[in-house]
Amino acid sequence: MSGWGGGGGRVGDRRLFVNIDHHESNTRYGDINWVSAREPSTGELIYRLLKVARWPITRPMADNLFTAVSTDTGSFQYATTRPGTFHAAAELVTRGANLAKICDEVYQSFPLSRVRLLKLLYNKFRLTAEDRIAWFWLKQADFSRTGAVSNDTEGLIDHLRAIEPVVVACVFEELAPDLTRISLRSKSDRINVNEIAAQFGGGGHPAAAGARIAGNPLTAQRKVIAALKKAMLVVK
């Protein structure tokens, strides 16, 4: 399954590279590409493939596929979620996916270090464009101070997105002094953050996207916020 970007070095020795994805920004970098941007989750594509091929789906496989479907759809909250998504999820539970265990491990078991990052987010996030854009910086010093790692940032942006006036949320993460990762979330079908991320060499979905920007962090911040403000003009 694919994420935003390319295949990476880990597939360099493959005989045949099959690229299965649902990001419309996918560059079709595989030897065989099955990219369906209409699908809410890559997990559904994998599940459909297994069913058509009549390959067995074990309980651990059902766990992983349900997790993929749930996380790609924002726990079935994103507007892209379709009736077929719920059918696939139900069938995976029937095939042994442990719903209680998955929900506990994915959504209800956060390390203390992540909670410390969340505290920083609530203390330091900024609002602009009449409180419709929320943004936040994660510096390397923040990780050192909290004992957190990059994986602990997963889902933090959704706390900004959930603020009532906010239409678009952005998290800037310092990967290196001259490299910034941005994560974008939109809750308006008129703000396509995939198109905004594409301006900076990234991509994703209309409602969730990201990119990595080389160069001065403050310059990256100004350019991204300017792009978000420009996009916001259509929802005035």
Protein backbone atom coordinates (compact mmCIF):
# COMPACT_ATOMS: atom_id res chain seq x y z
CA MET A 1 0.00 0.00 0.00
CA SER A 2 1.16 3.47 -0.74
CA GLY A 3 1.47 6.71 1.14
CA TRP A 4 2.08 10.21 -0.15
CA GLY A 5 5.14 10.33 -2.37
CA GLY A 6 7.13 7.51 -3.90
CA GLY A 7 8.06 3.94 -3.32
CA GLY A 8 11.17 4.47 -1.22
CA GLY A 9 14.42 2.51 -1.08
CA ARG A 10 12.97 -0.56 0.60
CA VAL A 11 11.47 -1.83 -2.65
CA GLY A 12 14.63 -1.45 -4.71
CA ASP A 13 15.28 -5.19 -4.90
CA ARG A 14 11.77 -6.20 -5.92
CA ARG A 15 10.95 -8.30 -8.95
CA LEU A 16 7.52 -6.75 -9.41
CA PHE A 17 6.28 -3.70 -7.53
CA VAL A 18 2.49 -3.48 -7.18
CA ASN A 19 1.27 -0.01 -6.19
CA ILE A 20 -2.21 -0.02 -4.59
CA ASP A 21 -3.43 3.32 -3.35
CA HIS A 22 -6.36 5.73 -3.07
CA HIS A 23 -4.50 9.06 -3.05
CA GLU A 24 -5.31 11.10 -6.14
CA SER A 25 -1.78 12.53 -5.96
CA ASN A 26 -0.22 9.09 -6.49
CA THR A 27 2.37 9.27 -9.28
CA ARG A 28 1.84 5.66 -10.49
CA TYR A 29 5.40 4.67 -9.68
CA GLY A 30 4.82 0.90 -9.54
CA ASP A 31 5.29 -1.77 -12.18
CA ILE A 32 1.55 -2.41 -11.77
CA ASN A 33 -0.62 0.44 -10.49
CA TRP A 34 -4.11 0.17 -9.02
CA VAL A 35 -4.96 3.69 -7.90
CA SER A 36 -8.59 4.54 -7.22
CA ALA A 37 -9.00 8.03 -5.79
CA ARG A 38 -12.75 7.46 -5.42
CA GLU A 39 -12.17 4.93 -2.66
CA PRO A 40 -12.23 6.18 0.95
CA SER A 41 -9.41 3.86 2.00
CA THR A 42 -6.66 1.68 0.63
CA GLY A 43 -7.76 -1.00 3.09
CA GLU A 44 -10.99 -1.43 1.13
CA LEU A 45 -9.03 -1.97 -2.08
CA ILE A 46 -6.87 -4.63 -0.44
CA TYR A 47 -9.94 -6.30 1.05
CA ARG A 48 -11.69 -6.33 -2.33
CA LEU A 49 -8.59 -7.87 -3.94
CA LEU A 50 -8.43 -10.63 -1.34
CA LYS A 51 -12.12 -11.43 -1.81
CA VAL A 52 -11.94 -11.57 -5.60
CA ALA A 53 -8.81 -13.72 -5.45
CA ARG A 54 -10.46 -15.90 -2.80
CA TRP A 55 -7.40 -15.72 -0.62
CA PRO A 56 -7.93 -16.53 3.06
CA ILE A 57 -8.29 -13.63 5.47
CA THR A 58 -6.94 -14.51 8.87
CA ARG A 59 -7.90 -12.71 12.07
CA PRO A 60 -4.62 -10.72 12.17
CA MET A 61 -5.22 -9.71 8.53
CA ALA A 62 -8.77 -8.65 9.41
CA ASP A 63 -7.38 -6.58 12.31
CA ASN A 64 -4.91 -4.81 10.04
CA LEU A 65 -7.44 -4.18 7.26
CA PHE A 66 -10.06 -2.83 9.67
CA THR A 67 -7.41 -0.54 11.16
CA ALA A 68 -6.49 0.69 7.67
CA VAL A 69 -10.12 1.40 6.79
CA SER A 70 -10.83 3.13 10.10
CA THR A 71 -7.77 5.38 10.11
CA ASP A 72 -8.06 6.35 6.43
CA THR A 73 -11.65 7.47 6.98
CA GLY A 74 -11.03 9.35 10.21
CA SER A 75 -12.81 6.62 12.15
CA PHE A 76 -15.62 6.71 9.56
CA GLN A 77 -16.10 10.48 9.97
CA TYR A 78 -14.73 11.89 6.70
CA ALA A 79 -17.20 12.90 4.02
CA THR A 80 -15.61 10.40 1.61
CA THR A 81 -16.90 7.50 3.73
CA ARG A 82 -19.48 5.54 1.74
CA PRO A 83 -21.99 2.78 2.52
CA GLY A 84 -19.54 0.26 1.09
CA THR A 85 -17.00 1.33 3.70
CA PHE A 86 -19.31 0.24 6.49
CA HIS A 87 -20.08 -3.00 4.68
CA ALA A 88 -16.37 -3.77 4.35
CA ALA A 89 -15.78 -2.93 8.02
CA ALA A 90 -18.69 -5.15 9.07
CA GLU A 91 -17.41 -8.05 6.97
CA LEU A 92 -13.95 -7.67 8.51
CA VAL A 93 -15.46 -7.83 12.00
CA THR A 94 -17.33 -10.97 10.89
CA ARG A 95 -14.02 -12.41 9.75
CA GLY A 96 -12.47 -11.86 13.16
CA ALA A 97 -11.34 -8.24 13.45
CA ASN A 98 -11.24 -7.45 17.15
CA LEU A 99 -13.03 -4.10 17.21
CA ALA A 100 -12.57 -3.44 20.93
CA LYS A 101 -8.85 -4.19 20.79
CA ILE A 102 -8.30 -2.07 17.67
CA CYS A 103 -10.18 0.93 19.07
CA ASP A 104 -8.30 0.68 22.34
CA GLU A 105 -4.85 0.41 20.76
CA VAL A 106 -5.41 2.97 17.97
CA TYR A 107 -7.62 5.59 19.61
CA GLN A 108 -7.52 5.13 23.38
CA SER A 109 -3.95 4.22 24.34
CA PHE A 110 -1.76 7.28 23.96
CA PRO A 111 1.69 7.50 25.57
CA LEU A 112 2.24 10.26 28.09
CA SER A 113 4.73 11.89 25.71
CA ARG A 114 1.94 12.41 23.17
CA VAL A 115 -0.28 13.99 25.80
CA ARG A 116 2.55 16.41 26.58
CA LEU A 117 2.67 17.34 22.89
CA LEU A 118 -1.08 17.86 22.96
CA LYS A 119 -0.65 20.19 25.93
CA LEU A 120 1.87 22.19 23.87
CA LEU A 121 -0.54 22.33 20.97
CA TYR A 122 -3.35 23.79 23.06
CA ASN A 123 -0.97 26.29 24.66
CA LYS A 124 0.72 27.45 21.47
CA PHE A 125 -1.57 27.05 18.46
CA ARG A 126 -2.32 30.18 16.44
CA LEU A 127 -5.38 31.37 14.58
CA THR A 128 -5.56 33.61 11.52
CA ALA A 129 -7.95 34.54 8.69
CA GLU A 130 -10.79 35.39 11.06
CA ASP A 131 -10.07 32.25 13.12
CA ARG A 132 -10.72 29.99 10.12
CA ILE A 133 -7.11 28.81 9.82
CA ALA A 134 -5.40 27.17 12.79
CA TRP A 135 -1.71 26.34 12.77
CA PHE A 136 0.94 25.03 15.12
CA TRP A 137 4.71 24.44 15.11
CA LEU A 138 6.45 21.32 16.39
CA LYS A 139 10.17 21.96 16.91
CA GLN A 140 12.89 19.42 17.62
CA ALA A 141 13.19 21.00 21.07
CA ASP A 142 9.55 20.08 21.73
CA PHE A 143 10.33 16.41 21.14
CA SER A 144 13.36 16.59 23.44
CA ARG A 145 11.36 18.38 26.13
CA THR A 146 8.43 15.95 26.08
CA GLY A 147 10.29 12.73 25.30
CA ALA A 148 8.06 12.30 22.26
CA VAL A 149 8.91 10.85 18.86
CA SER A 150 7.52 11.72 15.44
CA ASN A 151 4.89 8.97 15.62
CA ASP A 152 3.38 10.69 18.66
CA THR A 153 2.19 13.53 16.41
CA GLU A 154 -0.35 11.29 14.69
CA GLY A 155 -3.81 12.79 15.07
CA LEU A 156 -2.70 16.00 16.81
CA ILE A 157 -3.87 18.08 13.87
CA ASP A 158 -7.42 16.80 14.31
CA HIS A 159 -7.66 18.73 17.57
CA LEU A 160 -7.10 21.92 15.60
CA ARG A 161 -9.50 20.87 12.88
CA ALA A 162 -12.20 20.24 15.49
CA ILE A 163 -12.27 23.88 16.66
CA GLU A 164 -15.65 25.25 15.55
CA PRO A 165 -14.62 28.32 13.50
CA VAL A 166 -11.65 26.54 11.91
CA VAL A 167 -11.97 25.44 8.29
CA VAL A 168 -8.35 24.46 7.62
CA ALA A 169 -5.73 23.21 10.09
CA CYS A 170 -1.98 23.03 9.55
CA VAL A 171 0.86 21.54 11.59
CA PHE A 172 4.45 22.45 10.80
CA GLU A 173 7.01 19.92 12.02
CA GLU A 174 10.74 20.62 12.05
CA LEU A 175 12.45 17.52 10.66
CA ALA A 176 15.82 19.26 10.31
CA PRO A 177 16.96 22.90 10.46
CA ASP A 178 16.25 23.23 6.73
CA LEU A 179 13.42 20.72 6.27
CA THR A 180 9.80 21.19 7.35
CA ARG A 181 6.97 18.71 7.15
CA ILE A 182 3.48 20.15 6.82
CA SER A 183 0.21 18.36 7.51
CA LEU A 184 -3.05 19.85 6.28
CA ARG A 185 -6.68 19.13 7.10
CA SER A 186 -9.81 20.68 5.65
CA LYS A 187 -13.42 20.35 6.70
CA SER A 188 -14.86 22.19 3.70
CA ASP A 189 -15.43 20.53 0.34
CA ARG A 190 -14.48 23.89 -1.21
CA ILE A 191 -10.94 23.79 0.23
CA ASN A 192 -8.89 21.03 -1.42
CA VAL A 193 -5.72 20.70 0.65
CA ASN A 194 -4.35 18.13 -1.79
CA GLU A 195 -4.06 20.95 -4.33
CA ILE A 196 -2.38 23.17 -1.75
CA ALA A 197 0.09 20.45 -0.76
CA ALA A 198 0.85 19.87 -4.44
CA GLN A 199 2.16 23.43 -4.65
CA PHE A 200 4.93 22.31 -2.30
CA GLY A 201 5.66 18.93 -3.87
CA GLY A 202 3.29 16.93 -1.69
CA GLY A 203 -0.20 15.51 -1.97
CA GLY A 204 -2.86 13.36 -0.40
CA HIS A 205 -6.63 13.79 -0.31
CA PRO A 206 -8.91 16.80 -0.72
CA ALA A 207 -9.50 16.76 3.06
CA ALA A 208 -6.09 15.55 4.27
CA ALA A 209 -2.69 16.09 2.70
CA GLY A 210 0.94 16.81 3.44
CA ALA A 211 4.32 17.79 2.05
CA ARG A 212 7.97 18.29 2.93
CA ILE A 213 9.47 21.70 2.23
CA ALA A 214 13.21 22.33 2.07
CA GLY A 215 14.68 25.67 3.03
CA ASN A 216 14.15 28.29 5.69
CA PRO A 217 11.30 27.25 8.06
CA LEU A 218 9.86 30.76 8.41
CA THR A 219 9.79 31.13 4.65
CA ALA A 220 7.97 27.82 4.40
CA GLN A 221 5.49 28.98 7.02
CA ARG A 222 4.77 32.24 5.22
CA LYS A 223 4.27 30.52 1.87
CA VAL A 224 1.94 27.85 3.27
CA ILE A 225 -0.16 30.28 5.29
CA ALA A 226 -0.39 32.56 2.24
CA ALA A 227 -1.59 29.62 0.12
CA LEU A 228 -4.18 28.71 2.74
CA LYS A 229 -5.45 32.28 2.95
CA LYS A 230 -5.74 32.44 -0.82
CA ALA A 231 -7.74 29.20 -0.84
CA MET A 232 -9.99 30.55 1.92
CA LEU A 233 -11.19 33.35 -0.39
CA VAL A 234 -13.60 30.92 -2.04
CA VAL A 235 -15.52 30.28 1.20
CA LYS A 236 -16.10 33.93 2.14
